[in-house]
Amino acid sequence: MIERHEGRQQIVCDSCPTSFPETYADADFRIMIAEAKAKGWRISQVKPEGNPRDTSDLFGAAPRIAGKERQPYTHTCPACRFKPQPQGRLM
């Protein structure tokens, strides 16, 4: 998530309380995103709840409805991004 306070903003991980160490002015939003990605953060758009008849599985994106708000993004720190996934047993 993006935390905003008194004209400054900072990226916070959605999975843990870690935050990106730098704060940025509101005008530097693109710089903040680029620097976080360069340091291993994953910032990706949340896939909207789809209609069972949509074409996102074929074309990679669900159609955007005019006037509808943009979908939120997830923010994942490098520690959570590279955390080993639990492996189940087959037998």
N, C-alpha and C. Protein backbone atom coordinates (compact mmCIF):
# COMPACT_ATOMS: atom_id res chain seq x y z
N MET A 1 0.84 -1.17 0.00
CA MET A 1 0.00 0.00 0.00
C MET A 1 0.89 1.23 0.00
N ILE A 2 0.31 2.35 -0.37
CA ILE A 2 1.03 3.61 -0.36
C ILE A 2 0.50 4.42 0.83
N GLU A 3 1.39 4.74 1.76
CA GLU A 3 1.02 5.56 2.91
C GLU A 3 1.34 7.01 2.56
N ARG A 4 0.40 7.90 2.84
CA ARG A 4 0.60 9.33 2.57
C ARG A 4 0.45 10.11 3.87
N HIS A 5 1.36 11.09 4.05
CA HIS A 5 1.30 11.94 5.25
C HIS A 5 1.99 13.26 4.95
N GLU A 6 1.26 14.35 5.08
CA GLU A 6 1.79 15.71 4.91
C GLU A 6 2.57 15.89 3.61
N GLY A 7 1.99 15.46 2.51
CA GLY A 7 2.62 15.66 1.21
C GLY A 7 3.75 14.70 0.88
N ARG A 8 4.00 13.72 1.73
CA ARG A 8 5.04 12.71 1.49
C ARG A 8 4.36 11.36 1.37
N GLN A 9 5.00 10.45 0.68
CA GLN A 9 4.44 9.11 0.52
C GLN A 9 5.53 8.06 0.61
N GLN A 10 5.12 6.85 0.98
CA GLN A 10 6.06 5.75 1.20
C GLN A 10 5.34 4.44 0.88
N ILE A 11 6.07 3.48 0.32
CA ILE A 11 5.51 2.17 0.01
C ILE A 11 5.63 1.28 1.23
N VAL A 12 4.56 0.56 1.55
CA VAL A 12 4.53 -0.39 2.67
C VAL A 12 4.11 -1.74 2.11
N CYS A 13 4.78 -2.80 2.53
CA CYS A 13 4.47 -4.16 2.08
C CYS A 13 3.06 -4.55 2.53
N ASP A 14 2.32 -5.23 1.65
CA ASP A 14 0.97 -5.69 1.98
C ASP A 14 0.99 -6.98 2.80
N SER A 15 2.15 -7.66 2.89
CA SER A 15 2.23 -8.94 3.59
C SER A 15 2.87 -8.85 4.97
N CYS A 16 3.65 -7.79 5.21
CA CYS A 16 4.32 -7.63 6.50
C CYS A 16 4.44 -6.13 6.79
N PRO A 17 4.94 -5.73 7.95
CA PRO A 17 5.02 -4.30 8.27
C PRO A 17 6.23 -3.56 7.67
N THR A 18 6.98 -4.19 6.78
CA THR A 18 8.16 -3.55 6.19
C THR A 18 7.74 -2.38 5.30
N SER A 19 8.51 -1.30 5.35
CA SER A 19 8.26 -0.18 4.46
C SER A 19 9.54 0.16 3.71
N PHE A 20 9.38 0.72 2.51
CA PHE A 20 10.52 1.17 1.73
C PHE A 20 11.18 2.30 2.51
N PRO A 21 12.51 2.31 2.66
CA PRO A 21 13.16 3.26 3.57
C PRO A 21 13.07 4.73 3.16
N GLU A 22 12.77 5.02 1.92
CA GLU A 22 12.72 6.42 1.46
C GLU A 22 11.29 6.93 1.42
N THR A 23 11.12 8.22 1.62
CA THR A 23 9.83 8.87 1.42
C THR A 23 9.98 9.84 0.25
N TYR A 24 8.89 10.08 -0.44
CA TYR A 24 8.92 10.89 -1.65
C TYR A 24 7.80 11.91 -1.64
N ALA A 25 8.02 13.02 -2.32
CA ALA A 25 6.96 14.02 -2.50
C ALA A 25 5.91 13.43 -3.43
N ASP A 26 4.69 13.94 -3.34
CA ASP A 26 3.61 13.44 -4.19
C ASP A 26 3.96 13.53 -5.68
N ALA A 27 4.70 14.55 -6.07
CA ALA A 27 5.07 14.73 -7.48
C ALA A 27 6.06 13.68 -7.96
N ASP A 28 6.74 12.99 -7.05
CA ASP A 28 7.77 12.00 -7.41
C ASP A 28 7.25 10.56 -7.36
N PHE A 29 5.97 10.37 -7.58
CA PHE A 29 5.38 9.04 -7.48
C PHE A 29 6.05 8.04 -8.42
N ARG A 30 6.24 8.39 -9.67
CA ARG A 30 6.86 7.47 -10.64
C ARG A 30 8.30 7.12 -10.25
N ILE A 31 9.02 8.08 -9.71
CA ILE A 31 10.39 7.83 -9.26
C ILE A 31 10.38 6.83 -8.11
N MET A 32 9.46 7.01 -7.17
CA MET A 32 9.34 6.10 -6.03
C MET A 32 9.09 4.67 -6.50
N ILE A 33 8.17 4.49 -7.43
CA ILE A 33 7.85 3.16 -7.94
C ILE A 33 9.06 2.55 -8.65
N ALA A 34 9.73 3.33 -9.49
CA ALA A 34 10.89 2.83 -10.23
C ALA A 34 12.02 2.41 -9.28
N GLU A 35 12.28 3.21 -8.25
CA GLU A 35 13.36 2.88 -7.31
C GLU A 35 13.01 1.66 -6.47
N ALA A 36 11.75 1.53 -6.07
CA ALA A 36 11.34 0.36 -5.29
C ALA A 36 11.48 -0.91 -6.13
N LYS A 37 11.06 -0.86 -7.38
CA LYS A 37 11.19 -2.04 -8.26
C LYS A 37 12.66 -2.38 -8.48
N ALA A 38 13.51 -1.37 -8.62
CA ALA A 38 14.94 -1.61 -8.82
C ALA A 38 15.57 -2.29 -7.61
N LYS A 39 14.99 -2.08 -6.42
CA LYS A 39 15.54 -2.69 -5.20
C LYS A 39 14.82 -3.97 -4.81
N GLY A 40 14.07 -4.56 -5.75
CA GLY A 40 13.50 -5.88 -5.52
C GLY A 40 12.05 -5.93 -5.09
N TRP A 41 11.39 -4.80 -4.96
CA TRP A 41 9.97 -4.81 -4.59
C TRP A 41 9.15 -5.22 -5.81
N ARG A 42 8.07 -5.93 -5.56
CA ARG A 42 7.13 -6.28 -6.63
C ARG A 42 5.88 -5.42 -6.44
N ILE A 43 5.55 -4.69 -7.47
CA ILE A 43 4.34 -3.87 -7.47
C ILE A 43 3.54 -4.30 -8.69
N SER A 44 2.40 -4.90 -8.44
CA SER A 44 1.61 -5.43 -9.55
C SER A 44 0.13 -5.15 -9.34
N GLN A 45 -0.56 -5.04 -10.45
CA GLN A 45 -1.98 -4.74 -10.41
C GLN A 45 -2.76 -5.98 -10.01
N VAL A 46 -3.75 -5.78 -9.15
CA VAL A 46 -4.62 -6.87 -8.73
C VAL A 46 -5.58 -7.18 -9.86
N LYS A 47 -5.69 -8.44 -10.20
CA LYS A 47 -6.61 -8.83 -11.27
C LYS A 47 -8.04 -8.67 -10.77
N PRO A 48 -8.88 -7.97 -11.53
CA PRO A 48 -10.26 -7.78 -11.08
C PRO A 48 -11.04 -9.08 -11.10
N GLU A 49 -12.08 -9.11 -10.27
CA GLU A 49 -12.97 -10.26 -10.28
C GLU A 49 -13.58 -10.34 -11.67
N GLY A 50 -13.41 -11.46 -12.31
CA GLY A 50 -13.84 -11.57 -13.69
C GLY A 50 -15.22 -12.15 -13.86
N ASN A 51 -15.78 -11.82 -14.96
CA ASN A 51 -17.02 -12.41 -15.40
C ASN A 51 -16.65 -13.77 -15.98
N PRO A 52 -17.40 -14.82 -15.71
CA PRO A 52 -17.03 -16.12 -16.25
C PRO A 52 -16.95 -16.13 -17.78
N ARG A 53 -17.52 -15.13 -18.41
CA ARG A 53 -17.51 -15.08 -19.87
C ARG A 53 -16.50 -14.07 -20.41
N ASP A 54 -15.62 -13.51 -19.55
CA ASP A 54 -14.67 -12.53 -20.07
C ASP A 54 -13.54 -13.22 -20.82
N THR A 55 -12.70 -12.42 -21.47
CA THR A 55 -11.65 -12.96 -22.32
C THR A 55 -10.25 -12.77 -21.74
N SER A 56 -10.14 -12.50 -20.44
CA SER A 56 -8.83 -12.22 -19.86
C SER A 56 -7.88 -13.41 -19.96
N ASP A 57 -8.41 -14.63 -19.94
CA ASP A 57 -7.52 -15.78 -20.07
C ASP A 57 -6.95 -15.89 -21.48
N LEU A 58 -7.63 -15.35 -22.47
CA LEU A 58 -7.15 -15.41 -23.85
C LEU A 58 -6.27 -14.21 -24.21
N PHE A 59 -6.67 -13.03 -23.76
CA PHE A 59 -6.01 -11.81 -24.20
C PHE A 59 -5.20 -11.10 -23.12
N GLY A 60 -5.17 -11.62 -21.91
CA GLY A 60 -4.31 -11.09 -20.87
C GLY A 60 -4.86 -9.97 -20.02
N ALA A 61 -5.98 -9.42 -20.37
CA ALA A 61 -6.57 -8.35 -19.55
C ALA A 61 -8.07 -8.34 -19.73
N ALA A 62 -8.74 -8.13 -18.64
CA ALA A 62 -10.20 -8.00 -18.72
C ALA A 62 -10.52 -6.64 -19.32
N PRO A 63 -11.61 -6.54 -20.04
CA PRO A 63 -11.97 -5.24 -20.61
C PRO A 63 -12.24 -4.23 -19.51
N ARG A 64 -11.83 -3.00 -19.73
CA ARG A 64 -12.04 -1.94 -18.74
C ARG A 64 -13.34 -1.23 -19.06
N ILE A 65 -14.16 -1.04 -18.06
CA ILE A 65 -15.44 -0.37 -18.23
C ILE A 65 -15.22 1.12 -18.00
N ALA A 66 -15.69 1.94 -18.92
CA ALA A 66 -15.52 3.39 -18.82
C ALA A 66 -16.15 3.90 -17.53
N GLY A 67 -15.44 4.77 -16.84
CA GLY A 67 -15.96 5.36 -15.62
C GLY A 67 -15.71 4.54 -14.37
N LYS A 68 -15.25 3.31 -14.53
CA LYS A 68 -14.99 2.46 -13.38
C LYS A 68 -13.61 2.80 -12.81
N GLU A 69 -13.49 2.79 -11.48
CA GLU A 69 -12.21 3.10 -10.85
C GLU A 69 -11.15 2.07 -11.24
N ARG A 70 -9.90 2.53 -11.29
CA ARG A 70 -8.79 1.62 -11.57
C ARG A 70 -8.64 0.62 -10.44
N GLN A 71 -8.12 -0.52 -10.77
CA GLN A 71 -7.94 -1.57 -9.78
C GLN A 71 -6.73 -1.26 -8.89
N PRO A 72 -6.77 -1.69 -7.65
CA PRO A 72 -5.65 -1.44 -6.75
C PRO A 72 -4.43 -2.30 -7.10
N TYR A 73 -3.33 -1.94 -6.52
CA TYR A 73 -2.07 -2.64 -6.74
C TYR A 73 -1.63 -3.34 -5.45
N THR A 74 -0.83 -4.39 -5.59
CA THR A 74 -0.22 -5.03 -4.43
C THR A 74 1.24 -4.60 -4.38
N HIS A 75 1.75 -4.49 -3.17
CA HIS A 75 3.13 -4.05 -2.93
C HIS A 75 3.78 -5.11 -2.05
N THR A 76 4.81 -5.77 -2.57
CA THR A 76 5.45 -6.87 -1.85
C THR A 76 6.95 -6.60 -1.72
N CYS A 77 7.45 -6.65 -0.48
CA CYS A 77 8.87 -6.39 -0.23
C CYS A 77 9.71 -7.58 -0.71
N PRO A 78 11.02 -7.40 -0.89
CA PRO A 78 11.87 -8.50 -1.35
C PRO A 78 11.85 -9.72 -0.42
N ALA A 79 11.77 -9.51 0.89
CA ALA A 79 11.77 -10.64 1.83
C ALA A 79 10.53 -11.50 1.63
N CYS A 80 9.37 -10.88 1.48
CA CYS A 80 8.13 -11.64 1.26
C CYS A 80 8.07 -12.20 -0.15
N ARG A 81 8.63 -11.48 -1.09
CA ARG A 81 8.60 -11.92 -2.49
C ARG A 81 9.38 -13.22 -2.69
N PHE A 82 10.50 -13.35 -2.01
CA PHE A 82 11.35 -14.52 -2.19
C PHE A 82 11.20 -15.54 -1.07
N LYS A 83 10.17 -15.39 -0.24
CA LYS A 83 9.91 -16.34 0.83
C LYS A 83 9.55 -17.69 0.21
N PRO A 84 10.14 -18.78 0.70
CA PRO A 84 9.82 -20.09 0.12
C PRO A 84 8.34 -20.42 0.30
N GLN A 85 7.76 -20.95 -0.74
CA GLN A 85 6.36 -21.35 -0.69
C GLN A 85 6.24 -22.72 -0.04
N PRO A 86 5.20 -22.93 0.78
CA PRO A 86 5.04 -24.25 1.40
C PRO A 86 4.82 -25.32 0.34
N GLN A 87 5.48 -26.43 0.52
CA GLN A 87 5.36 -27.55 -0.41
C GLN A 87 4.57 -28.67 0.24
N GLY A 88 3.53 -29.10 -0.42
CA GLY A 88 2.73 -30.20 0.10
C GLY A 88 3.32 -31.54 -0.30
N ARG A 89 2.88 -32.58 0.36
CA ARG A 89 3.35 -33.93 0.04
C ARG A 89 2.33 -34.60 -0.86
N LEU A 90 2.80 -35.36 -1.80
CA LEU A 90 1.89 -36.08 -2.69
C LEU A 90 1.35 -37.34 -2.04
N MET A 91 2.15 -37.97 -1.21
CA MET A 91 1.72 -39.22 -0.59
C MET A 91 1.75 -39.10 0.91
